[in-house]
PDB file of N, CA and C in Angstrom:
ATOM      1  N   MET A   1       0.838  -1.177   0.000  1.00  0.00           N
ATOM      2  CA  MET A   1       0.000   0.000   0.000  1.00  0.00           C
ATOM      3  C   MET A   1       0.888   1.247   0.000  1.00  0.00           C
ATOM      4  N   ILE A   2       0.562   2.195  -0.825  1.00  0.00           N
ATOM      5  CA  ILE A   2       1.326   3.432  -0.936  1.00  0.00           C
ATOM      6  C   ILE A   2       0.803   4.441   0.082  1.00  0.00           C
ATOM      7  N   GLU A   3       1.721   4.991   0.860  1.00  0.00           N
ATOM      8  CA  GLU A   3       1.358   6.014   1.848  1.00  0.00           C
ATOM      9  C   GLU A   3       1.177   7.346   1.142  1.00  0.00           C
ATOM     10  N   ARG A   4      -0.021   7.948   1.256  1.00  0.00           N
ATOM     11  CA  ARG A   4      -0.309   9.213   0.579  1.00  0.00           C
ATOM     12  C   ARG A   4      -0.393  10.388   1.538  1.00  0.00           C
ATOM     13  N   ARG A   5      -0.246  10.137   2.808  1.00  0.00           N
ATOM     14  CA  ARG A   5      -0.356  11.223   3.780  1.00  0.00           C
ATOM     15  C   ARG A   5       0.896  12.092   3.757  1.00  0.00           C
ATOM     16  N   ALA A   6       0.693  13.382   4.012  1.00  0.00           N
ATOM     17  CA  ALA A   6       1.820  14.316   4.072  1.00  0.00           C
ATOM     18  C   ALA A   6       2.662  14.074   5.316  1.00  0.00           C
ATOM     19  N   GLU A   7       2.043  13.535   6.344  1.00  0.00           N
ATOM     20  CA  GLU A   7       2.733  13.271   7.605  1.00  0.00           C
ATOM     21  C   GLU A   7       2.315  11.904   8.116  1.00  0.00           C
ATOM     22  N   PRO A   8       3.256  11.059   8.502  1.00  0.00           N
ATOM     23  CA  PRO A   8       2.862   9.725   9.001  1.00  0.00           C
ATOM     24  C   PRO A   8       2.068   9.820  10.297  1.00  0.00           C
ATOM     25  N   ARG A   9       1.137   8.884  10.472  1.00  0.00           N
ATOM     26  CA  ARG A   9       0.342   8.828  11.694  1.00  0.00           C
ATOM     27  C   ARG A   9       0.889   7.747  12.603  1.00  0.00           C
ATOM     28  N   ARG A  10       0.742   7.968  13.905  1.00  0.00           N
ATOM     29  CA  ARG A  10       1.160   6.953  14.864  1.00  0.00           C
ATOM     30  C   ARG A  10      -0.067   6.208  15.362  1.00  0.00           C
ATOM     31  N   ARG A  11       0.100   4.915  15.552  1.00  0.00           N
ATOM     32  CA  ARG A  11      -1.011   4.082  16.016  1.00  0.00           C
ATOM     33  C   ARG A  11      -1.291   4.378  17.478  1.00  0.00           C
ATOM     34  N   VAL A  12      -2.564   4.559  17.799  1.00  0.00           N
ATOM     35  CA  VAL A  12      -2.999   4.816  19.167  1.00  0.00           C
ATOM     36  C   VAL A  12      -4.301   4.066  19.419  1.00  0.00           C
ATOM     37  N   LEU A  13      -4.708   4.038  20.652  1.00  0.00           N
ATOM     38  CA  LEU A  13      -6.008   3.486  21.017  1.00  0.00           C
ATOM     39  C   LEU A  13      -6.537   4.365  22.144  1.00  0.00           C
ATOM     40  N   LYS A  14      -7.243   5.428  21.746  1.00  0.00           N
ATOM     41  CA  LYS A  14      -7.742   6.420  22.690  1.00  0.00           C
ATOM     42  C   LYS A  14      -9.234   6.616  22.476  1.00  0.00           C
ATOM     43  N   SER A  15      -9.913   6.984  23.543  1.00  0.00           N
ATOM     44  CA  SER A  15     -11.332   7.289  23.396  1.00  0.00           C
ATOM     45  C   SER A  15     -11.494   8.760  23.038  1.00  0.00           C
ATOM     46  N   GLY A  16     -12.526   9.034  22.270  1.00  0.00           N
ATOM     47  CA  GLY A  16     -12.809  10.402  21.856  1.00  0.00           C
ATOM     48  C   GLY A  16     -14.304  10.630  21.769  1.00  0.00           C
ATOM     49  N   THR A  17     -14.646  11.897  21.583  1.00  0.00           N
ATOM     50  CA  THR A  17     -16.049  12.274  21.427  1.00  0.00           C
ATOM     51  C   THR A  17     -16.161  13.254  20.273  1.00  0.00           C
ATOM     52  N   ILE A  18     -17.053  12.959  19.350  1.00  0.00           N
ATOM     53  CA  ILE A  18     -17.349  13.839  18.225  1.00  0.00           C
ATOM     54  C   ILE A  18     -18.547  14.684  18.626  1.00  0.00           C
ATOM     55  N   ALA A  19     -18.426  16.016  18.461  1.00  0.00           N
ATOM     56  CA  ALA A  19     -19.516  16.916  18.853  1.00  0.00           C
ATOM     57  C   ALA A  19     -19.951  17.769  17.670  1.00  0.00           C
ATOM     58  N   PHE A  20     -21.274  17.876  17.477  1.00  0.00           N
ATOM     59  CA  PHE A  20     -21.845  18.700  16.407  1.00  0.00           C
ATOM     60  C   PHE A  20     -23.303  18.981  16.723  1.00  0.00           C
ATOM     61  N   SER A  21     -23.757  20.175  16.468  1.00  0.00           N
ATOM     62  CA  SER A  21     -25.169  20.560  16.610  1.00  0.00           C
ATOM     63  C   SER A  21     -25.793  20.119  17.930  1.00  0.00           C
ATOM     64  N   GLY A  22     -25.063  20.217  19.017  1.00  0.00           N
ATOM     65  CA  GLY A  22     -25.595  19.832  20.312  1.00  0.00           C
ATOM     66  C   GLY A  22     -25.639  18.339  20.567  1.00  0.00           C
ATOM     67  N   GLN A  23     -25.141  17.529  19.645  1.00  0.00           N
ATOM     68  CA  GLN A  23     -25.112  16.077  19.788  1.00  0.00           C
ATOM     69  C   GLN A  23     -23.682  15.609  19.996  1.00  0.00           C
ATOM     70  N   THR A  24     -23.519  14.428  20.581  1.00  0.00           N
ATOM     71  CA  THR A  24     -22.197  13.823  20.716  1.00  0.00           C
ATOM     72  C   THR A  24     -22.245  12.362  20.279  1.00  0.00           C
ATOM     73  N   VAL A  25     -21.128  11.904  19.743  1.00  0.00           N
ATOM     74  CA  VAL A  25     -20.975  10.519  19.316  1.00  0.00           C
ATOM     75  C   VAL A  25     -19.628  10.033  19.848  1.00  0.00           C
ATOM     76  N   ASP A  26     -19.633   8.917  20.566  1.00  0.00           N
ATOM     77  CA  ASP A  26     -18.384   8.339  21.050  1.00  0.00           C
ATOM     78  C   ASP A  26     -17.623   7.706  19.896  1.00  0.00           C
ATOM     79  N   CYS A  27     -16.297   7.729  19.998  1.00  0.00           N
ATOM     80  CA  CYS A  27     -15.467   7.129  18.964  1.00  0.00           C
ATOM     81  C   CYS A  27     -14.187   6.587  19.595  1.00  0.00           C
ATOM     82  N   THR A  28     -13.478   5.782  18.817  1.00  0.00           N
ATOM     83  CA  THR A  28     -12.165   5.280  19.206  1.00  0.00           C
ATOM     84  C   THR A  28     -11.164   5.813  18.199  1.00  0.00           C
ATOM     85  N   ILE A  29     -10.125   6.464  18.687  1.00  0.00           N
ATOM     86  CA  ILE A  29      -9.079   7.013  17.820  1.00  0.00           C
ATOM     87  C   ILE A  29      -8.067   5.902  17.583  1.00  0.00           C
ATOM     88  N   ARG A  30      -7.854   5.549  16.308  1.00  0.00           N
ATOM     89  CA  ARG A  30      -6.990   4.420  15.947  1.00  0.00           C
ATOM     90  C   ARG A  30      -5.600   4.857  15.517  1.00  0.00           C
ATOM     91  N   ASN A  31      -5.502   6.006  14.844  1.00  0.00           N
ATOM     92  CA  ASN A  31      -4.185   6.566  14.539  1.00  0.00           C
ATOM     93  C   ASN A  31      -4.308   8.071  14.515  1.00  0.00           C
ATOM     94  N   LEU A  32      -3.162   8.753  14.691  1.00  0.00           N
ATOM     95  CA  LEU A  32      -3.200  10.179  14.944  1.00  0.00           C
ATOM     96  C   LEU A  32      -1.923  10.841  14.460  1.00  0.00           C
ATOM     97  N   SER A  33      -2.059  12.041  13.896  1.00  0.00           N
ATOM     98  CA  SER A  33      -0.919  12.892  13.568  1.00  0.00           C
ATOM     99  C   SER A  33      -1.320  14.323  13.895  1.00  0.00           C
ATOM    100  N   THR A  34      -0.450  15.264  13.651  1.00  0.00           N
ATOM    101  CA  THR A  34      -0.804  16.659  13.901  1.00  0.00           C
ATOM    102  C   THR A  34      -1.808  17.166  12.877  1.00  0.00           C
ATOM    103  N   ARG A  35      -1.958  16.475  11.755  1.00  0.00           N
ATOM    104  CA  ARG A  35      -2.864  16.914  10.688  1.00  0.00           C
ATOM    105  C   ARG A  35      -4.189  16.185  10.628  1.00  0.00           C
ATOM    106  N   GLY A  36      -4.274  14.984  11.222  1.00  0.00           N
ATOM    107  CA  GLY A  36      -5.516  14.239  11.114  1.00  0.00           C
ATOM    108  C   GLY A  36      -5.502  12.955  11.908  1.00  0.00           C
ATOM    109  N   ALA A  37      -6.538  12.139  11.704  1.00  0.00           N
ATOM    110  CA  ALA A  37      -6.691  10.906  12.471  1.00  0.00           C
ATOM    111  C   ALA A  37      -7.628   9.955  11.749  1.00  0.00           C
ATOM    112  N   ALA A  38      -7.609   8.698  12.189  1.00  0.00           N
ATOM    113  CA  ALA A  38      -8.604   7.705  11.776  1.00  0.00           C
ATOM    114  C   ALA A  38      -9.389   7.325  13.020  1.00  0.00           C
ATOM    115  N   LEU A  39     -10.706   7.302  12.887  1.00  0.00           N
ATOM    116  CA  LEU A  39     -11.591   7.039  14.015  1.00  0.00           C
ATOM    117  C   LEU A  39     -12.524   5.883  13.687  1.00  0.00           C
ATOM    118  N   ASP A  40     -12.854   5.109  14.699  1.00  0.00           N
ATOM    119  CA  ASP A  40     -13.907   4.102  14.578  1.00  0.00           C
ATOM    120  C   ASP A  40     -15.155   4.657  15.243  1.00  0.00           C
ATOM    121  N   VAL A  41     -16.273   4.627  14.517  1.00  0.00           N
ATOM    122  CA  VAL A  41     -17.558   5.104  15.038  1.00  0.00           C
ATOM    123  C   VAL A  41     -18.632   4.078  14.705  1.00  0.00           C
ATOM    124  N   ALA A  42     -19.692   4.071  15.493  1.00  0.00           N
ATOM    125  CA  ALA A  42     -20.769   3.093  15.277  1.00  0.00           C
ATOM    126  C   ALA A  42     -21.546   3.397  13.994  1.00  0.00           C
ATOM    127  N   THR A  43     -21.848   4.675  13.725  1.00  0.00           N
ATOM    128  CA  THR A  43     -22.648   5.049  12.562  1.00  0.00           C
ATOM    129  C   THR A  43     -22.048   6.270  11.859  1.00  0.00           C
ATOM    130  N   PRO A  44     -21.097   6.076  10.953  1.00  0.00           N
ATOM    131  CA  PRO A  44     -20.457   7.214  10.285  1.00  0.00           C
ATOM    132  C   PRO A  44     -21.376   7.972   9.341  1.00  0.00           C
ATOM    133  N   MET A  45     -22.458   7.376   8.902  1.00  0.00           N
ATOM    134  CA  MET A  45     -23.319   8.028   7.915  1.00  0.00           C
ATOM    135  C   MET A  45     -24.066   9.234   8.498  1.00  0.00           C
ATOM    136  N   MET A  46     -24.236   9.296   9.810  1.00  0.00           N
ATOM    137  CA  MET A  46     -24.976  10.407  10.405  1.00  0.00           C
ATOM    138  C   MET A  46     -24.093  11.607  10.732  1.00  0.00           C
ATOM    139  N   LEU A  47     -22.807  11.529  10.467  1.00  0.00           N
ATOM    140  CA  LEU A  47     -21.895  12.619  10.816  1.00  0.00           C
ATOM    141  C   LEU A  47     -21.929  13.723   9.771  1.00  0.00           C
ATOM    142  N   PRO A  48     -21.842  14.978  10.213  1.00  0.00           N
ATOM    143  CA  PRO A  48     -21.773  16.093   9.260  1.00  0.00           C
ATOM    144  C   PRO A  48     -20.366  16.210   8.678  1.00  0.00           C
ATOM    145  N   ALA A  49     -20.200  17.094   7.727  1.00  0.00           N
ATOM    146  CA  ALA A  49     -18.899  17.283   7.086  1.00  0.00           C
ATOM    147  C   ALA A  49     -17.873  17.893   8.036  1.00  0.00           C
ATOM    148  N   SER A  50     -18.310  18.731   8.969  1.00  0.00           N
ATOM    149  CA  SER A  50     -17.414  19.373   9.934  1.00  0.00           C
ATOM    150  C   SER A  50     -17.931  19.159  11.348  1.00  0.00           C
ATOM    151  N   PHE A  51     -17.022  18.970  12.289  1.00  0.00           N
ATOM    152  CA  PHE A  51     -17.389  18.748  13.687  1.00  0.00           C
ATOM    153  C   PHE A  51     -16.171  18.983  14.568  1.00  0.00           C
ATOM    154  N   LYS A  52     -16.329  18.785  15.866  1.00  0.00           N
ATOM    155  CA  LYS A  52     -15.211  18.900  16.802  1.00  0.00           C
ATOM    156  C   LYS A  52     -14.918  17.533  17.387  1.00  0.00           C
ATOM    157  N   LEU A  53     -13.627  17.234  17.552  1.00  0.00           N
ATOM    158  CA  LEU A  53     -13.192  15.988  18.158  1.00  0.00           C
ATOM    159  C   LEU A  53     -12.543  16.304  19.492  1.00  0.00           C
ATOM    160  N   ALA A  54     -13.080  15.730  20.567  1.00  0.00           N
ATOM    161  CA  ALA A  54     -12.491  15.861  21.901  1.00  0.00           C
ATOM    162  C   ALA A  54     -11.720  14.587  22.200  1.00  0.00           C
ATOM    163  N   ILE A  55     -10.435  14.747  22.542  1.00  0.00           N
ATOM    164  CA  ILE A  55      -9.585  13.614  22.895  1.00  0.00           C
ATOM    165  C   ILE A  55      -9.403  13.653  24.412  1.00  0.00           C
ATOM    166  N   ALA A  56     -10.056  12.747  25.101  1.00  0.00           N
ATOM    167  CA  ALA A  56     -10.106  12.774  26.566  1.00  0.00           C
ATOM    168  C   ALA A  56      -8.715  12.678  27.195  1.00  0.00           C
ATOM    169  N   ALA A  57      -7.879  11.761  26.734  1.00  0.00           N
ATOM    170  CA  ALA A  57      -6.569  11.537  27.348  1.00  0.00           C
ATOM    171  C   ALA A  57      -5.658  12.761  27.238  1.00  0.00           C
ATOM    172  N   GLU A  58      -5.860  13.563  26.201  1.00  0.00           N
ATOM    173  CA  GLU A  58      -5.022  14.746  25.994  1.00  0.00           C
ATOM    174  C   GLU A  58      -5.715  16.029  26.445  1.00  0.00           C
ATOM    175  N   GLN A  59      -6.964  15.916  26.885  1.00  0.00           N
ATOM    176  CA  GLN A  59      -7.772  17.064  27.313  1.00  0.00           C
ATOM    177  C   GLN A  59      -7.735  18.184  26.274  1.00  0.00           C
ATOM    178  N   VAL A  60      -8.005  17.817  25.024  1.00  0.00           N
ATOM    179  CA  VAL A  60      -7.985  18.778  23.924  1.00  0.00           C
ATOM    180  C   VAL A  60      -9.200  18.554  23.033  1.00  0.00           C
ATOM    181  N   THR A  61      -9.703  19.633  22.459  1.00  0.00           N
ATOM    182  CA  THR A  61     -10.782  19.573  21.477  1.00  0.00           C
ATOM    183  C   THR A  61     -10.300  20.267  20.218  1.00  0.00           C
ATOM    184  N   ARG A  62     -10.455  19.592  19.073  1.00  0.00           N
ATOM    185  CA  ARG A  62      -9.972  20.137  17.809  1.00  0.00           C
ATOM    186  C   ARG A  62     -11.097  20.179  16.781  1.00  0.00           C
ATOM    187  N   PRO A  63     -11.232  21.313  16.059  1.00  0.00           N
ATOM    188  CA  PRO A  63     -12.168  21.334  14.928  1.00  0.00           C
ATOM    189  C   PRO A  63     -11.590  20.494  13.791  1.00  0.00           C
ATOM    190  N   CYS A  64     -12.454  19.803  13.069  1.00  0.00           N
ATOM    191  CA  CYS A  64     -11.976  18.944  11.989  1.00  0.00           C
ATOM    192  C   CYS A  64     -13.062  18.763  10.935  1.00  0.00           C
ATOM    193  N   HIS A  65     -12.683  18.102   9.859  1.00  0.00           N
ATOM    194  CA  HIS A  65     -13.669  17.792   8.825  1.00  0.00           C
ATOM    195  C   HIS A  65     -13.425  16.382   8.293  1.00  0.00           C
ATOM    196  N   LEU A  66     -14.488  15.792   7.808  1.00  0.00           N
ATOM    197  CA  LEU A  66     -14.477  14.422   7.307  1.00  0.00           C
ATOM    198  C   LEU A  66     -13.786  14.370   5.947  1.00  0.00           C
ATOM    199  N   ILE A  67     -12.871  13.420   5.783  1.00  0.00           N
ATOM    200  CA  ILE A  67     -12.174  13.215   4.506  1.00  0.00           C
ATOM    201  C   ILE A  67     -12.713  11.979   3.793  1.00  0.00           C
ATOM    202  N   TRP A  68     -12.861  10.874   4.507  1.00  0.00           N
ATOM    203  CA  TRP A  68     -13.343   9.631   3.909  1.00  0.00           C
ATOM    204  C   TRP A  68     -14.037   8.785   4.985  1.00  0.00           C
ATOM    205  N   HIS A  69     -14.795   7.794   4.544  1.00  0.00           N
ATOM    206  CA  HIS A  69     -15.350   6.793   5.463  1.00  0.00           C
ATOM    207  C   HIS A  69     -15.449   5.468   4.743  1.00  0.00           C
ATOM    208  N   HIS A  70     -15.226   4.405   5.494  1.00  0.00           N
ATOM    209  CA  HIS A  70     -15.333   3.042   4.985  1.00  0.00           C
ATOM    210  C   HIS A  70     -15.823   2.172   6.133  1.00  0.00           C
ATOM    211  N   ASN A  71     -17.016   1.622   5.981  1.00  0.00           N
ATOM    212  CA  ASN A  71     -17.671   0.854   7.031  1.00  0.00           C
ATOM    213  C   ASN A  71     -17.764   1.724   8.285  1.00  0.00           C
ATOM    214  N   GLN A  72     -17.136   1.311   9.370  1.00  0.00           N
ATOM    215  CA  GLN A  72     -17.235   2.076  10.615  1.00  0.00           C
ATOM    216  C   GLN A  72     -15.989   2.914  10.908  1.00  0.00           C
ATOM    217  N   ARG A  73     -15.090   3.032   9.968  1.00  0.00           N
ATOM    218  CA  ARG A  73     -13.886   3.845  10.147  1.00  0.00           C
ATOM    219  C   ARG A  73     -13.993   5.100   9.298  1.00  0.00           C
ATOM    220  N   ILE A  74     -13.581   6.237   9.883  1.00  0.00           N
ATOM    221  CA  ILE A  74     -13.563   7.492   9.137  1.00  0.00           C
ATOM    222  C   ILE A  74     -12.182   8.117   9.236  1.00  0.00           C
ATOM    223  N   GLY A  75     -11.833   8.876   8.215  1.00  0.00           N
ATOM    224  CA  GLY A  75     -10.591   9.636   8.224  1.00  0.00           C
ATOM    225  C   GLY A  75     -10.942  11.110   8.316  1.00  0.00           C
ATOM    226  N   ILE A  76     -10.238  11.812   9.189  1.00  0.00           N
ATOM    227  CA  ILE A  76     -10.503  13.242   9.378  1.00  0.00           C
ATOM    228  C   ILE A  76      -9.226  14.037   9.216  1.00  0.00           C
ATOM    229  N   ALA A  77      -9.380  15.311   8.888  1.00  0.00           N
ATOM    230  CA  ALA A  77      -8.264  16.263   8.873  1.00  0.00           C
ATOM    231  C   ALA A  77      -8.604  17.366   9.855  1.00  0.00           C
ATOM    232  N   PHE A  78      -7.609  17.799  10.630  1.00  0.00           N
ATOM    233  CA  PHE A  78      -7.822  18.878  11.564  1.00  0.00           C
ATOM    234  C   PHE A  78      -7.801  20.202  10.825  1.00  0.00           C
ATOM    235  N   ASP A  79      -8.682  21.126  11.230  1.00  0.00           N
ATOM    236  CA  ASP A  79      -8.758  22.444  10.607  1.00  0.00           C
ATOM    237  C   ASP A  79      -7.705  23.367  11.197  1.00  0.00           C
TER     238      ASP A  79
END
């Protein structure tokens, strides 16, 4: 597989929360870089194009947008 990312991601296993329009969706962060991440979510089809990701272990919230989705995994880029 050819790596197309501008920056390599490191594998992690962290819990996160996606927030949009007063709603929240729990997720699992599978890999992470300063530019983006891959997340596992139960229902990716209900997510908007832009949202905020809260990473509990790092006590940080980042605005981001959806890049791709496949089954229950989504790829995001940080804004």
